[in-house]
């Protein structure tokens, strides 16, 4: 089995070519603190894409000025309290793709974190409308 070893003492942190954005998925019960954990502790800069019934904006009040300046929030919501429709799910995936392409282009998020924060009703409809390519 082959593996790489990186000696932290010899690692050149000034060489940003080796640093890639962190993508994180945090699972847990409602109100467990998943949004707080990701927004307040993940490496900067942070791009947070929210597909939930709750706003992430209140967390901006709890951030330091530096963290707030390096955080960007995107927020999507279902149009009714009944949850996401298939059309909304399909449109949200197209929008998510555009956001990812924009925010991850040209190494803008190098060393930072791209967060997808969603509720279960969004995941349910996404599974219905997205069919992964076979290749």
N, C-alpha and C. Protein backbone atom coordinates (compact mmCIF):
# COMPACT_ATOMS: atom_id res chain seq x y z
N UNK A 1 0.85 -1.18 0.00
CA UNK A 1 0.00 0.00 0.00
C UNK A 1 0.89 1.24 0.00
N UNK A 2 0.64 2.14 -0.92
CA UNK A 2 1.42 3.37 -1.01
C UNK A 2 0.72 4.50 -0.26
N UNK A 3 1.52 5.34 0.38
CA UNK A 3 0.95 6.50 1.06
C UNK A 3 2.01 7.59 1.10
N UNK A 4 1.56 8.82 1.28
CA UNK A 4 2.46 9.96 1.39
C UNK A 4 2.59 10.36 2.85
N UNK A 5 3.73 10.87 3.20
CA UNK A 5 3.97 11.40 4.53
C UNK A 5 4.32 12.88 4.39
N UNK A 6 3.67 13.72 5.16
CA UNK A 6 3.97 15.15 5.15
C UNK A 6 4.48 15.50 6.54
N UNK A 7 5.72 15.97 6.59
CA UNK A 7 6.32 16.39 7.85
C UNK A 7 5.90 17.83 8.12
N UNK A 8 5.09 18.03 9.11
CA UNK A 8 4.57 19.36 9.43
C UNK A 8 5.66 20.37 9.68
N UNK A 9 6.77 19.95 10.28
CA UNK A 9 7.87 20.88 10.58
C UNK A 9 8.53 21.39 9.31
N UNK A 10 8.52 20.59 8.26
CA UNK A 10 9.18 20.98 7.02
C UNK A 10 8.21 21.53 5.98
N UNK A 11 6.93 21.55 6.28
CA UNK A 11 5.91 21.98 5.33
C UNK A 11 5.95 23.48 5.15
N UNK A 12 6.01 23.94 3.90
CA UNK A 12 6.05 25.36 3.59
C UNK A 12 4.63 25.88 3.44
N UNK A 13 4.11 26.52 4.50
CA UNK A 13 2.73 27.03 4.45
C UNK A 13 2.60 28.21 3.51
N UNK A 14 3.71 28.82 3.12
CA UNK A 14 3.67 29.93 2.18
C UNK A 14 3.39 29.47 0.76
N UNK A 15 3.55 28.18 0.51
CA UNK A 15 3.28 27.63 -0.82
C UNK A 15 1.82 27.22 -0.86
N UNK A 16 0.97 28.13 -1.32
CA UNK A 16 -0.46 27.88 -1.33
C UNK A 16 -0.94 26.94 -2.41
N UNK A 17 -0.03 26.49 -3.27
CA UNK A 17 -0.44 25.59 -4.35
C UNK A 17 -0.97 24.27 -3.83
N UNK A 18 -0.55 23.85 -2.67
CA UNK A 18 -0.96 22.55 -2.14
C UNK A 18 -2.23 22.65 -1.29
N UNK A 19 -2.70 23.85 -1.05
CA UNK A 19 -3.86 24.04 -0.19
C UNK A 19 -5.13 24.11 -1.03
N UNK A 20 -6.08 23.26 -0.74
CA UNK A 20 -7.36 23.26 -1.46
C UNK A 20 -8.48 23.60 -0.50
N UNK A 21 -9.63 24.04 -1.03
CA UNK A 21 -10.77 24.32 -0.15
C UNK A 21 -11.27 23.06 0.54
N UNK A 22 -11.76 23.23 1.72
CA UNK A 22 -12.36 22.15 2.48
C UNK A 22 -13.86 22.15 2.18
N UNK A 23 -14.39 20.99 1.84
CA UNK A 23 -15.84 20.84 1.70
C UNK A 23 -16.29 19.97 2.85
N UNK A 24 -17.34 20.37 3.53
CA UNK A 24 -17.73 19.65 4.73
C UNK A 24 -19.22 19.35 4.71
N UNK A 25 -19.56 18.18 5.19
CA UNK A 25 -20.95 17.79 5.40
C UNK A 25 -21.08 17.35 6.85
N UNK A 26 -21.91 18.04 7.58
CA UNK A 26 -22.11 17.73 8.99
C UNK A 26 -23.53 17.23 9.18
N UNK A 27 -23.65 16.03 9.71
CA UNK A 27 -24.96 15.42 9.91
C UNK A 27 -25.31 15.48 11.39
N UNK A 28 -26.60 15.62 11.69
CA UNK A 28 -27.03 15.64 13.08
C UNK A 28 -28.48 16.04 13.19
N UNK A 29 -28.98 15.95 14.40
CA UNK A 29 -30.36 16.31 14.69
C UNK A 29 -30.56 17.81 14.53
N UNK A 30 -31.82 18.21 14.30
CA UNK A 30 -32.15 19.63 14.23
C UNK A 30 -31.75 20.31 15.53
N UNK A 31 -31.26 21.53 15.42
CA UNK A 31 -30.87 22.36 16.55
C UNK A 31 -29.69 21.80 17.34
N UNK A 32 -28.87 20.96 16.70
CA UNK A 32 -27.70 20.39 17.38
C UNK A 32 -26.50 21.33 17.30
N UNK A 33 -26.56 22.34 16.44
CA UNK A 33 -25.45 23.28 16.33
C UNK A 33 -24.59 23.09 15.10
N UNK A 34 -25.11 22.40 14.08
CA UNK A 34 -24.32 22.14 12.87
C UNK A 34 -23.93 23.43 12.16
N UNK A 35 -24.86 24.36 12.02
CA UNK A 35 -24.57 25.62 11.34
C UNK A 35 -23.56 26.43 12.13
N UNK A 36 -23.75 26.50 13.43
CA UNK A 36 -22.81 27.22 14.29
C UNK A 36 -21.41 26.63 14.16
N UNK A 37 -21.32 25.31 14.25
CA UNK A 37 -20.03 24.63 14.16
C UNK A 37 -19.31 24.98 12.86
N UNK A 38 -20.01 24.90 11.73
CA UNK A 38 -19.36 25.14 10.46
C UNK A 38 -19.02 26.61 10.24
N UNK A 39 -19.93 27.51 10.57
CA UNK A 39 -19.68 28.92 10.33
C UNK A 39 -18.65 29.52 11.28
N UNK A 40 -18.59 29.02 12.49
CA UNK A 40 -17.74 29.65 13.49
C UNK A 40 -16.38 28.98 13.66
N UNK A 41 -16.18 27.79 13.10
CA UNK A 41 -14.92 27.10 13.36
C UNK A 41 -14.14 26.67 12.13
N UNK A 42 -14.77 26.65 10.97
CA UNK A 42 -14.08 26.16 9.77
C UNK A 42 -13.08 27.21 9.26
N UNK A 43 -12.06 26.76 8.51
CA UNK A 43 -11.04 27.69 7.99
C UNK A 43 -11.64 28.76 7.07
N UNK A 44 -11.06 29.95 7.15
CA UNK A 44 -11.48 31.09 6.34
C UNK A 44 -10.72 31.08 5.01
N UNK A 45 -11.32 31.68 3.98
CA UNK A 45 -12.66 32.25 3.88
C UNK A 45 -13.72 31.16 3.86
N UNK A 46 -14.95 31.56 4.18
CA UNK A 46 -16.09 30.62 4.22
C UNK A 46 -17.15 31.07 3.23
N UNK A 47 -17.62 30.10 2.44
CA UNK A 47 -18.81 30.29 1.62
C UNK A 47 -19.84 29.31 2.14
N UNK A 48 -20.96 29.83 2.61
CA UNK A 48 -22.01 29.03 3.23
C UNK A 48 -23.26 29.10 2.36
N UNK A 49 -23.69 27.95 1.84
CA UNK A 49 -24.89 27.89 1.00
C UNK A 49 -25.96 27.17 1.80
N UNK A 50 -27.02 27.88 2.14
CA UNK A 50 -28.05 27.38 3.04
C UNK A 50 -29.32 27.01 2.27
N UNK A 51 -29.76 25.77 2.43
CA UNK A 51 -31.02 25.28 1.83
C UNK A 51 -31.94 24.84 2.96
N UNK A 52 -32.14 25.68 3.92
CA UNK A 52 -32.86 25.28 5.12
C UNK A 52 -34.02 26.22 5.39
N UNK A 53 -34.73 25.93 6.45
CA UNK A 53 -35.84 26.80 6.85
C UNK A 53 -35.37 27.88 7.84
N UNK A 54 -34.10 27.86 8.19
CA UNK A 54 -33.56 28.85 9.13
C UNK A 54 -32.55 29.74 8.44
N UNK A 55 -32.48 30.98 8.87
CA UNK A 55 -31.51 31.95 8.36
C UNK A 55 -30.16 31.73 9.05
N UNK A 56 -29.09 31.92 8.32
CA UNK A 56 -27.75 31.87 8.91
C UNK A 56 -27.26 33.27 9.29
N UNK A 57 -27.97 34.30 8.86
CA UNK A 57 -27.56 35.68 9.10
C UNK A 57 -27.28 36.00 10.57
N UNK A 58 -28.06 35.51 11.54
CA UNK A 58 -27.77 35.85 12.94
C UNK A 58 -26.36 35.48 13.40
N UNK A 59 -25.74 34.51 12.75
CA UNK A 59 -24.38 34.12 13.14
C UNK A 59 -23.36 35.22 12.81
N UNK A 60 -23.70 36.09 11.87
CA UNK A 60 -22.79 37.20 11.55
C UNK A 60 -22.57 38.09 12.76
N UNK A 61 -23.58 38.22 13.62
CA UNK A 61 -23.47 39.06 14.82
C UNK A 61 -22.49 38.47 15.83
N UNK A 62 -22.30 37.15 15.80
CA UNK A 62 -21.42 36.49 16.76
C UNK A 62 -19.98 36.38 16.27
N UNK A 63 -19.74 36.69 15.00
CA UNK A 63 -18.40 36.55 14.42
C UNK A 63 -17.53 37.76 14.73
N UNK A 64 -16.22 37.51 14.75
CA UNK A 64 -15.28 38.62 14.83
C UNK A 64 -15.39 39.41 13.52
N UNK A 65 -14.89 40.63 13.53
CA UNK A 65 -14.93 41.46 12.32
C UNK A 65 -14.18 40.78 11.18
N UNK A 66 -13.04 40.14 11.48
CA UNK A 66 -12.27 39.47 10.43
C UNK A 66 -13.05 38.30 9.84
N UNK A 67 -13.66 37.50 10.71
CA UNK A 67 -14.40 36.33 10.24
C UNK A 67 -15.61 36.76 9.40
N UNK A 68 -16.31 37.78 9.87
CA UNK A 68 -17.48 38.29 9.15
C UNK A 68 -17.07 38.81 7.77
N UNK A 69 -15.93 39.51 7.69
CA UNK A 69 -15.46 40.07 6.42
C UNK A 69 -15.07 38.98 5.42
N UNK A 70 -14.77 37.79 5.91
CA UNK A 70 -14.31 36.71 5.04
C UNK A 70 -15.35 35.60 4.90
N UNK A 71 -16.61 35.93 5.20
CA UNK A 71 -17.70 34.97 5.11
C UNK A 71 -18.74 35.48 4.12
N UNK A 72 -19.20 34.58 3.26
CA UNK A 72 -20.27 34.92 2.32
C UNK A 72 -21.39 33.92 2.51
N UNK A 73 -22.61 34.42 2.65
CA UNK A 73 -23.79 33.58 2.85
C UNK A 73 -24.69 33.62 1.62
N UNK A 74 -25.13 32.45 1.21
CA UNK A 74 -26.17 32.31 0.19
C UNK A 74 -27.33 31.60 0.86
N UNK A 75 -28.55 32.03 0.61
CA UNK A 75 -29.69 31.43 1.29
C UNK A 75 -30.82 31.12 0.31
N UNK A 76 -31.24 29.86 0.31
CA UNK A 76 -32.36 29.41 -0.52
C UNK A 76 -33.47 28.91 0.40
N UNK A 77 -34.71 29.13 0.00
CA UNK A 77 -35.85 28.67 0.79
C UNK A 77 -36.92 28.11 -0.13
N UNK A 78 -37.63 27.12 0.39
CA UNK A 78 -38.81 26.63 -0.33
C UNK A 78 -39.85 27.75 -0.35
N UNK A 79 -40.67 27.77 -1.37
CA UNK A 79 -41.65 28.85 -1.51
C UNK A 79 -42.86 28.67 -0.61
N UNK A 80 -43.07 27.45 -0.09
CA UNK A 80 -44.19 27.21 0.81
C UNK A 80 -43.70 26.47 2.05
N UNK A 81 -44.55 26.40 3.04
CA UNK A 81 -44.20 25.66 4.26
C UNK A 81 -44.33 24.16 4.07
N UNK A 82 -44.80 23.72 2.92
CA UNK A 82 -44.96 22.30 2.63
C UNK A 82 -43.63 21.64 2.25
N UNK A 83 -42.58 22.44 2.08
CA UNK A 83 -41.28 21.90 1.69
C UNK A 83 -40.96 22.19 0.25
N UNK A 84 -39.87 21.62 -0.22
CA UNK A 84 -39.36 21.87 -1.56
C UNK A 84 -40.13 21.09 -2.60
N UNK A 85 -40.44 21.75 -3.72
CA UNK A 85 -41.03 21.05 -4.85
C UNK A 85 -39.89 20.52 -5.73
N UNK A 86 -40.23 19.63 -6.63
CA UNK A 86 -39.20 19.11 -7.54
C UNK A 86 -38.62 20.22 -8.41
N UNK A 87 -39.47 21.11 -8.87
CA UNK A 87 -38.99 22.23 -9.71
C UNK A 87 -38.02 23.11 -8.92
N UNK A 88 -38.36 23.41 -7.67
CA UNK A 88 -37.47 24.21 -6.83
C UNK A 88 -36.15 23.47 -6.57
N UNK A 89 -36.24 22.16 -6.35
CA UNK A 89 -35.04 21.37 -6.13
C UNK A 89 -34.12 21.39 -7.34
N UNK A 90 -34.69 21.20 -8.52
CA UNK A 90 -33.90 21.22 -9.75
C UNK A 90 -33.27 22.60 -9.96
N UNK A 91 -34.04 23.66 -9.74
CA UNK A 91 -33.51 25.01 -9.91
C UNK A 91 -32.42 25.30 -8.89
N UNK A 92 -32.61 24.84 -7.65
CA UNK A 92 -31.60 25.08 -6.61
C UNK A 92 -30.29 24.39 -6.94
N UNK A 93 -30.34 23.21 -7.56
CA UNK A 93 -29.11 22.51 -7.96
C UNK A 93 -28.38 23.28 -9.05
N UNK A 94 -29.12 23.86 -9.98
CA UNK A 94 -28.49 24.67 -11.03
C UNK A 94 -27.83 25.90 -10.41
N UNK A 95 -28.52 26.53 -9.48
CA UNK A 95 -27.97 27.71 -8.81
C UNK A 95 -26.73 27.34 -7.99
N UNK A 96 -26.80 26.19 -7.28
CA UNK A 96 -25.66 25.72 -6.50
C UNK A 96 -24.45 25.50 -7.39
N UNK A 97 -24.66 24.92 -8.55
CA UNK A 97 -23.57 24.70 -9.49
C UNK A 97 -22.93 26.03 -9.89
N UNK A 98 -23.76 27.02 -10.17
CA UNK A 98 -23.24 28.33 -10.53
C UNK A 98 -22.45 28.98 -9.40
N UNK A 99 -22.96 28.86 -8.18
CA UNK A 99 -22.27 29.42 -7.02
C UNK A 99 -20.92 28.74 -6.84
N UNK A 100 -20.90 27.41 -6.92
CA UNK A 100 -19.65 26.68 -6.75
C UNK A 100 -18.64 27.08 -7.81
N UNK A 101 -19.08 27.18 -9.05
CA UNK A 101 -18.16 27.56 -10.12
C UNK A 101 -17.60 28.96 -9.90
N UNK A 102 -18.45 29.87 -9.45
CA UNK A 102 -18.01 31.25 -9.20
C UNK A 102 -17.06 31.32 -8.01
N UNK A 103 -17.43 30.72 -6.90
CA UNK A 103 -16.68 30.87 -5.65
C UNK A 103 -15.39 30.04 -5.63
N UNK A 104 -15.34 28.95 -6.39
CA UNK A 104 -14.16 28.10 -6.38
C UNK A 104 -13.20 28.41 -7.54
N UNK A 105 -13.60 29.33 -8.41
CA UNK A 105 -12.76 29.68 -9.57
C UNK A 105 -11.50 30.41 -9.15
N UNK A 106 -10.45 30.20 -9.91
CA UNK A 106 -9.19 30.94 -9.75
C UNK A 106 -8.60 30.85 -8.34
N UNK A 107 -8.89 29.79 -7.61
CA UNK A 107 -8.31 29.61 -6.28
C UNK A 107 -8.80 30.60 -5.25
N UNK A 108 -9.95 31.24 -5.49
CA UNK A 108 -10.45 32.25 -4.55
C UNK A 108 -10.73 31.71 -3.15
N UNK A 109 -11.07 30.44 -3.08
CA UNK A 109 -11.41 29.85 -1.79
C UNK A 109 -10.28 28.97 -1.26
N UNK A 110 -9.09 29.14 -1.80
CA UNK A 110 -7.94 28.32 -1.42
C UNK A 110 -7.72 28.38 0.09
N UNK A 111 -7.71 27.22 0.71
CA UNK A 111 -7.51 27.14 2.15
C UNK A 111 -8.76 27.40 2.96
N UNK A 112 -9.85 27.77 2.31
CA UNK A 112 -11.09 28.08 3.00
C UNK A 112 -12.07 26.92 2.99
N UNK A 113 -13.34 27.22 3.22
CA UNK A 113 -14.35 26.19 3.39
C UNK A 113 -15.59 26.50 2.57
N UNK A 114 -16.09 25.51 1.84
CA UNK A 114 -17.34 25.60 1.10
C UNK A 114 -18.35 24.72 1.81
N UNK A 115 -19.41 25.32 2.33
CA UNK A 115 -20.37 24.60 3.17
C UNK A 115 -21.73 24.55 2.48
N UNK A 116 -22.30 23.35 2.41
CA UNK A 116 -23.69 23.19 1.98
C UNK A 116 -24.46 22.80 3.23
N UNK A 117 -25.36 23.66 3.63
CA UNK A 117 -26.13 23.48 4.86
C UNK A 117 -27.59 23.31 4.46
N UNK A 118 -28.13 22.12 4.69
CA UNK A 118 -29.49 21.88 4.19
C UNK A 118 -30.35 21.14 5.18
N UNK A 119 -31.63 21.28 4.98
CA UNK A 119 -32.60 20.53 5.76
C UNK A 119 -32.97 19.25 5.03
N UNK A 120 -33.64 18.37 5.74
CA UNK A 120 -33.96 17.06 5.17
C UNK A 120 -34.92 17.16 3.99
N UNK A 121 -35.82 18.14 3.98
CA UNK A 121 -36.78 18.22 2.87
C UNK A 121 -36.06 18.60 1.57
N UNK A 122 -34.99 19.39 1.65
CA UNK A 122 -34.22 19.71 0.44
C UNK A 122 -33.51 18.46 -0.08
N UNK A 123 -32.88 17.71 0.82
CA UNK A 123 -32.18 16.49 0.39
C UNK A 123 -33.14 15.49 -0.23
N UNK A 124 -34.33 15.39 0.34
CA UNK A 124 -35.32 14.44 -0.20
C UNK A 124 -35.67 14.78 -1.64
N UNK A 125 -35.94 16.05 -1.92
CA UNK A 125 -36.33 16.42 -3.28
C UNK A 125 -35.14 16.37 -4.23
N UNK A 126 -33.95 16.68 -3.75
CA UNK A 126 -32.77 16.59 -4.60
C UNK A 126 -32.54 15.16 -5.06
N UNK A 127 -32.78 14.21 -4.18
CA UNK A 127 -32.62 12.80 -4.55
C UNK A 127 -33.64 12.39 -5.61
N UNK A 128 -34.77 13.07 -5.65
CA UNK A 128 -35.79 12.77 -6.65
C UNK A 128 -35.48 13.39 -8.01
N UNK A 129 -34.81 14.54 -8.02
CA UNK A 129 -34.62 15.25 -9.29
C UNK A 129 -33.23 15.07 -9.90
N UNK A 130 -32.26 14.65 -9.11
CA UNK A 130 -30.90 14.52 -9.65
C UNK A 130 -30.58 13.05 -9.94
N UNK A 131 -30.17 12.80 -11.14
CA UNK A 131 -29.72 11.46 -11.50
C UNK A 131 -28.25 11.58 -11.87
N UNK A 132 -27.41 10.90 -11.12
CA UNK A 132 -25.97 10.99 -11.35
C UNK A 132 -25.61 10.34 -12.70
N UNK A 133 -24.63 10.92 -13.37
CA UNK A 133 -24.18 10.32 -14.63
C UNK A 133 -23.63 8.92 -14.39
N UNK A 134 -23.79 8.04 -15.36
CA UNK A 134 -23.31 6.68 -15.21
C UNK A 134 -21.79 6.58 -15.38
N UNK A 135 -21.18 7.55 -16.00
CA UNK A 135 -19.73 7.52 -16.20
C UNK A 135 -19.00 8.28 -15.14
